[in-house]
Amino acid sequence: PARVQRYLAAGKYNIVMYYSPYDGPSMSYAPRMMQLPQVNQNIAVRTVNINRPEIQGVDLESQIAVDMQLRTLPYFVIFDPRGNMRAKGRAAFEQVNQFMRELPN
């Protein structure tokens, strides 16, 4: 699986978004996700494209998707400032939506 821990920003809450460029909901979240660190200095956002280069379409059979047991996208994992996983899946999705409600329109 993608070893995202090595790419986390130290001392910040890190939101990792697993996505496919062929997934409508993923692409609708992406621009607002990139706004989060601009509004909240304690947040860093990392993205992981699950697609293999040769697949044109949502690639839920890629190694990353299989290892993470992904069924829907986008899929979020949140790490605390010490690099410990704090939430994933539905709980992380709900937290991300809460953060997004705090963004200016």
N, C-alpha and C. Protein backbone atom coordinates (compact mmCIF):
# COMPACT_ATOMS: atom_id res chain seq x y z
N PRO A 1 0.82 -1.20 0.00
CA PRO A 1 0.00 0.00 0.00
C PRO A 1 0.86 1.26 0.00
N ALA A 2 0.26 2.36 -0.37
CA ALA A 2 0.98 3.63 -0.36
C ALA A 2 1.39 3.94 1.07
N ARG A 3 2.64 4.22 1.28
CA ARG A 3 3.17 4.53 2.61
C ARG A 3 3.07 6.04 2.82
N VAL A 4 1.87 6.52 3.09
CA VAL A 4 1.64 7.95 3.17
C VAL A 4 2.30 8.60 4.37
N GLN A 5 2.58 7.84 5.43
CA GLN A 5 3.15 8.44 6.64
C GLN A 5 4.44 9.20 6.35
N ARG A 6 5.22 8.76 5.40
CA ARG A 6 6.48 9.46 5.11
C ARG A 6 6.25 10.81 4.44
N TYR A 7 5.04 11.07 3.96
CA TYR A 7 4.74 12.33 3.28
C TYR A 7 3.92 13.29 4.14
N LEU A 8 3.67 12.93 5.38
CA LEU A 8 2.86 13.78 6.24
C LEU A 8 3.65 15.01 6.67
N ALA A 9 2.94 16.13 6.82
CA ALA A 9 3.55 17.36 7.31
C ALA A 9 3.64 17.27 8.83
N ALA A 10 4.84 17.39 9.36
CA ALA A 10 5.06 17.28 10.79
C ALA A 10 4.34 18.40 11.53
N GLY A 11 3.75 18.05 12.67
CA GLY A 11 3.13 19.05 13.52
C GLY A 11 1.78 19.54 13.05
N LYS A 12 1.19 18.89 12.07
CA LYS A 12 -0.12 19.30 11.55
C LYS A 12 -1.06 18.11 11.48
N TYR A 13 -2.35 18.41 11.46
CA TYR A 13 -3.32 17.39 11.14
C TYR A 13 -3.23 17.17 9.64
N ASN A 14 -3.08 15.94 9.24
CA ASN A 14 -2.95 15.61 7.82
C ASN A 14 -4.19 14.85 7.36
N ILE A 15 -4.79 15.37 6.30
CA ILE A 15 -5.92 14.69 5.68
C ILE A 15 -5.40 14.07 4.39
N VAL A 16 -5.52 12.76 4.29
CA VAL A 16 -5.12 12.05 3.08
C VAL A 16 -6.38 11.67 2.33
N MET A 17 -6.46 12.12 1.09
CA MET A 17 -7.62 11.83 0.25
C MET A 17 -7.21 10.85 -0.84
N TYR A 18 -7.79 9.66 -0.82
CA TYR A 18 -7.60 8.68 -1.89
C TYR A 18 -8.68 8.97 -2.93
N TYR A 19 -8.28 9.08 -4.18
CA TYR A 19 -9.22 9.49 -5.22
C TYR A 19 -8.86 8.86 -6.55
N SER A 20 -9.79 9.01 -7.49
CA SER A 20 -9.54 8.67 -8.88
C SER A 20 -9.91 9.90 -9.71
N PRO A 21 -9.09 10.24 -10.71
CA PRO A 21 -9.43 11.38 -11.55
C PRO A 21 -10.68 11.11 -12.40
N TYR A 22 -11.17 9.88 -12.39
CA TYR A 22 -12.36 9.51 -13.15
C TYR A 22 -13.61 9.44 -12.27
N ASP A 23 -13.46 9.81 -11.01
CA ASP A 23 -14.56 9.75 -10.06
C ASP A 23 -15.12 11.15 -9.81
N GLY A 24 -16.38 11.37 -10.17
CA GLY A 24 -17.00 12.67 -10.02
C GLY A 24 -16.95 13.22 -8.60
N PRO A 25 -17.37 12.46 -7.58
CA PRO A 25 -17.31 12.98 -6.22
C PRO A 25 -15.88 13.35 -5.79
N SER A 26 -14.90 12.55 -6.17
CA SER A 26 -13.50 12.89 -5.84
C SER A 26 -13.12 14.23 -6.43
N MET A 27 -13.47 14.42 -7.69
CA MET A 27 -13.09 15.66 -8.37
C MET A 27 -13.85 16.87 -7.84
N SER A 28 -15.04 16.65 -7.31
CA SER A 28 -15.77 17.78 -6.73
C SER A 28 -15.18 18.18 -5.38
N TYR A 29 -14.59 17.23 -4.66
CA TYR A 29 -13.96 17.54 -3.37
C TYR A 29 -12.59 18.20 -3.54
N ALA A 30 -11.88 17.86 -4.58
CA ALA A 30 -10.48 18.27 -4.72
C ALA A 30 -10.25 19.77 -4.57
N PRO A 31 -10.95 20.65 -5.28
CA PRO A 31 -10.66 22.08 -5.15
C PRO A 31 -10.86 22.62 -3.73
N ARG A 32 -11.93 22.17 -3.07
CA ARG A 32 -12.20 22.64 -1.70
C ARG A 32 -11.18 22.06 -0.72
N MET A 33 -10.73 20.83 -0.98
CA MET A 33 -9.70 20.25 -0.11
C MET A 33 -8.43 21.09 -0.13
N MET A 34 -8.08 21.60 -1.30
CA MET A 34 -6.87 22.40 -1.43
C MET A 34 -7.00 23.75 -0.73
N GLN A 35 -8.22 24.17 -0.44
CA GLN A 35 -8.44 25.42 0.29
C GLN A 35 -8.23 25.26 1.80
N LEU A 36 -8.41 24.05 2.30
CA LEU A 36 -8.34 23.84 3.75
C LEU A 36 -7.05 24.35 4.38
N PRO A 37 -5.87 24.03 3.85
CA PRO A 37 -4.64 24.52 4.48
C PRO A 37 -4.50 26.05 4.42
N GLN A 38 -5.15 26.67 3.46
CA GLN A 38 -5.09 28.12 3.37
C GLN A 38 -5.92 28.78 4.47
N VAL A 39 -6.98 28.11 4.90
CA VAL A 39 -7.87 28.65 5.92
C VAL A 39 -7.43 28.22 7.32
N ASN A 40 -6.92 27.00 7.44
CA ASN A 40 -6.51 26.47 8.73
C ASN A 40 -5.04 26.03 8.63
N GLN A 41 -4.17 26.79 9.25
CA GLN A 41 -2.72 26.51 9.18
C GLN A 41 -2.32 25.21 9.87
N ASN A 42 -3.23 24.61 10.64
CA ASN A 42 -2.93 23.36 11.34
C ASN A 42 -3.27 22.13 10.51
N ILE A 43 -3.71 22.34 9.27
CA ILE A 43 -4.11 21.23 8.41
C ILE A 43 -3.21 21.16 7.18
N ALA A 44 -2.82 19.95 6.84
CA ALA A 44 -2.12 19.68 5.58
C ALA A 44 -2.96 18.65 4.82
N VAL A 45 -2.97 18.76 3.51
CA VAL A 45 -3.74 17.83 2.68
C VAL A 45 -2.78 17.08 1.77
N ARG A 46 -2.93 15.78 1.72
CA ARG A 46 -2.16 14.93 0.81
C ARG A 46 -3.16 14.14 -0.03
N THR A 47 -2.85 13.91 -1.28
CA THR A 47 -3.74 13.17 -2.15
C THR A 47 -3.03 11.95 -2.71
N VAL A 48 -3.79 10.87 -2.89
CA VAL A 48 -3.26 9.63 -3.46
C VAL A 48 -4.20 9.21 -4.58
N ASN A 49 -3.69 9.24 -5.81
CA ASN A 49 -4.42 8.77 -6.97
C ASN A 49 -4.34 7.25 -6.98
N ILE A 50 -5.49 6.59 -6.89
CA ILE A 50 -5.49 5.12 -6.80
C ILE A 50 -5.31 4.46 -8.16
N ASN A 51 -5.48 5.21 -9.24
CA ASN A 51 -5.46 4.62 -10.58
C ASN A 51 -4.08 4.18 -11.05
N ARG A 52 -4.05 3.04 -11.70
CA ARG A 52 -2.86 2.65 -12.44
C ARG A 52 -2.85 3.47 -13.73
N PRO A 53 -1.66 3.83 -14.24
CA PRO A 53 -1.58 4.72 -15.41
C PRO A 53 -2.37 4.24 -16.63
N GLU A 54 -2.45 2.94 -16.83
CA GLU A 54 -3.09 2.43 -18.04
C GLU A 54 -4.61 2.31 -17.93
N ILE A 55 -5.18 2.57 -16.77
CA ILE A 55 -6.63 2.41 -16.57
C ILE A 55 -7.32 3.75 -16.71
N GLN A 56 -8.30 3.79 -17.59
CA GLN A 56 -9.11 4.99 -17.76
C GLN A 56 -10.50 4.69 -17.24
N GLY A 57 -10.72 5.07 -16.02
CA GLY A 57 -11.95 4.79 -15.30
C GLY A 57 -11.57 4.59 -13.84
N VAL A 58 -12.54 4.56 -12.97
CA VAL A 58 -12.26 4.36 -11.54
C VAL A 58 -11.65 2.98 -11.36
N ASP A 59 -10.45 2.93 -10.81
CA ASP A 59 -9.66 1.70 -10.73
C ASP A 59 -9.69 1.09 -9.32
N LEU A 60 -10.81 0.52 -8.95
CA LEU A 60 -10.92 -0.11 -7.63
C LEU A 60 -10.22 -1.46 -7.56
N GLU A 61 -9.56 -1.85 -8.65
CA GLU A 61 -8.77 -3.08 -8.64
C GLU A 61 -7.27 -2.80 -8.58
N SER A 62 -6.89 -1.54 -8.46
CA SER A 62 -5.47 -1.21 -8.33
C SER A 62 -4.94 -1.75 -7.00
N GLN A 63 -3.63 -1.89 -6.89
CA GLN A 63 -3.04 -2.42 -5.66
C GLN A 63 -3.38 -1.56 -4.45
N ILE A 64 -3.36 -0.24 -4.63
CA ILE A 64 -3.70 0.66 -3.52
C ILE A 64 -5.14 0.44 -3.08
N ALA A 65 -6.06 0.41 -4.04
CA ALA A 65 -7.47 0.23 -3.72
C ALA A 65 -7.72 -1.11 -3.03
N VAL A 66 -7.07 -2.16 -3.52
CA VAL A 66 -7.24 -3.49 -2.91
C VAL A 66 -6.64 -3.50 -1.51
N ASP A 67 -5.43 -2.98 -1.34
CA ASP A 67 -4.78 -2.98 -0.03
C ASP A 67 -5.58 -2.16 1.00
N MET A 68 -6.17 -1.06 0.54
CA MET A 68 -6.95 -0.20 1.44
C MET A 68 -8.40 -0.67 1.56
N GLN A 69 -8.77 -1.68 0.78
CA GLN A 69 -10.13 -2.21 0.75
C GLN A 69 -11.15 -1.12 0.43
N LEU A 70 -10.81 -0.31 -0.57
CA LEU A 70 -11.68 0.80 -0.95
C LEU A 70 -12.89 0.29 -1.71
N ARG A 71 -14.03 0.83 -1.37
CA ARG A 71 -15.28 0.52 -2.06
C ARG A 71 -15.89 1.77 -2.69
N THR A 72 -15.62 2.92 -2.08
CA THR A 72 -16.13 4.20 -2.58
C THR A 72 -15.04 5.25 -2.50
N LEU A 73 -15.20 6.27 -3.31
CA LEU A 73 -14.27 7.38 -3.34
C LEU A 73 -15.05 8.68 -3.25
N PRO A 74 -14.44 9.74 -2.77
CA PRO A 74 -13.12 9.77 -2.17
C PRO A 74 -13.12 9.05 -0.82
N TYR A 75 -11.96 8.61 -0.42
CA TYR A 75 -11.76 7.93 0.86
C TYR A 75 -10.75 8.74 1.64
N PHE A 76 -11.05 9.04 2.90
CA PHE A 76 -10.20 9.90 3.70
C PHE A 76 -9.59 9.16 4.89
N VAL A 77 -8.36 9.56 5.22
CA VAL A 77 -7.69 9.13 6.44
C VAL A 77 -7.12 10.39 7.07
N ILE A 78 -7.31 10.55 8.37
CA ILE A 78 -6.80 11.73 9.07
C ILE A 78 -5.76 11.29 10.09
N PHE A 79 -4.62 11.99 10.07
CA PHE A 79 -3.53 11.74 11.02
C PHE A 79 -3.38 12.97 11.92
N ASP A 80 -3.06 12.74 13.19
CA ASP A 80 -2.85 13.86 14.11
C ASP A 80 -1.44 14.44 13.94
N PRO A 81 -1.11 15.53 14.64
CA PRO A 81 0.20 16.16 14.46
C PRO A 81 1.40 15.26 14.78
N ARG A 82 1.18 14.18 15.50
CA ARG A 82 2.26 13.24 15.82
C ARG A 82 2.36 12.11 14.80
N GLY A 83 1.48 12.12 13.80
CA GLY A 83 1.50 11.10 12.77
C GLY A 83 0.68 9.86 13.07
N ASN A 84 -0.13 9.92 14.14
CA ASN A 84 -0.99 8.79 14.49
C ASN A 84 -2.31 8.90 13.73
N MET A 85 -2.80 7.79 13.22
CA MET A 85 -4.07 7.80 12.53
C MET A 85 -5.18 8.08 13.54
N ARG A 86 -6.01 9.07 13.25
CA ARG A 86 -7.10 9.46 14.14
C ARG A 86 -8.47 9.03 13.61
N ALA A 87 -8.62 9.00 12.30
CA ALA A 87 -9.92 8.61 11.73
C ALA A 87 -9.70 8.13 10.31
N LYS A 88 -10.59 7.24 9.87
CA LYS A 88 -10.57 6.79 8.48
C LYS A 88 -11.98 6.43 8.09
N GLY A 89 -12.19 6.30 6.80
CA GLY A 89 -13.50 5.91 6.31
C GLY A 89 -14.58 6.92 6.66
N ARG A 90 -15.71 6.43 7.14
CA ARG A 90 -16.88 7.27 7.40
C ARG A 90 -16.59 8.37 8.42
N ALA A 91 -15.89 8.04 9.51
CA ALA A 91 -15.57 9.04 10.53
C ALA A 91 -14.71 10.15 9.95
N ALA A 92 -13.73 9.80 9.14
CA ALA A 92 -12.87 10.82 8.51
C ALA A 92 -13.66 11.64 7.50
N PHE A 93 -14.55 11.00 6.74
CA PHE A 93 -15.39 11.69 5.78
C PHE A 93 -16.23 12.76 6.48
N GLU A 94 -16.83 12.40 7.60
CA GLU A 94 -17.65 13.34 8.36
C GLU A 94 -16.81 14.50 8.89
N GLN A 95 -15.59 14.21 9.35
CA GLN A 95 -14.72 15.27 9.85
C GLN A 95 -14.31 16.21 8.71
N VAL A 96 -13.99 15.66 7.56
CA VAL A 96 -13.64 16.49 6.40
C VAL A 96 -14.80 17.40 6.03
N ASN A 97 -16.01 16.86 6.04
CA ASN A 97 -17.18 17.68 5.73
C ASN A 97 -17.35 18.80 6.75
N GLN A 98 -17.06 18.52 8.01
CA GLN A 98 -17.11 19.57 9.04
C GLN A 98 -16.09 20.66 8.74
N PHE A 99 -14.86 20.27 8.40
CA PHE A 99 -13.84 21.26 8.05
C PHE A 99 -14.30 22.11 6.85
N MET A 100 -14.92 21.46 5.88
CA MET A 100 -15.35 22.18 4.67
C MET A 100 -16.46 23.18 4.97
N ARG A 101 -17.29 22.89 5.96
CA ARG A 101 -18.34 23.84 6.33
C ARG A 101 -17.75 25.15 6.84
N GLU A 102 -16.51 25.08 7.32
CA GLU A 102 -15.84 26.28 7.86
C GLU A 102 -15.18 27.11 6.77
N LEU A 103 -15.13 26.60 5.54
CA LEU A 103 -14.54 27.35 4.43
C LEU A 103 -15.46 28.47 3.97
N PRO A 104 -14.88 29.59 3.55
CA PRO A 104 -15.73 30.63 2.97
C PRO A 104 -16.31 30.16 1.65
N ASN A 105 -17.49 30.66 1.33
CA ASN A 105 -18.13 30.24 0.07
C ASN A 105 -17.50 30.85 -1.10
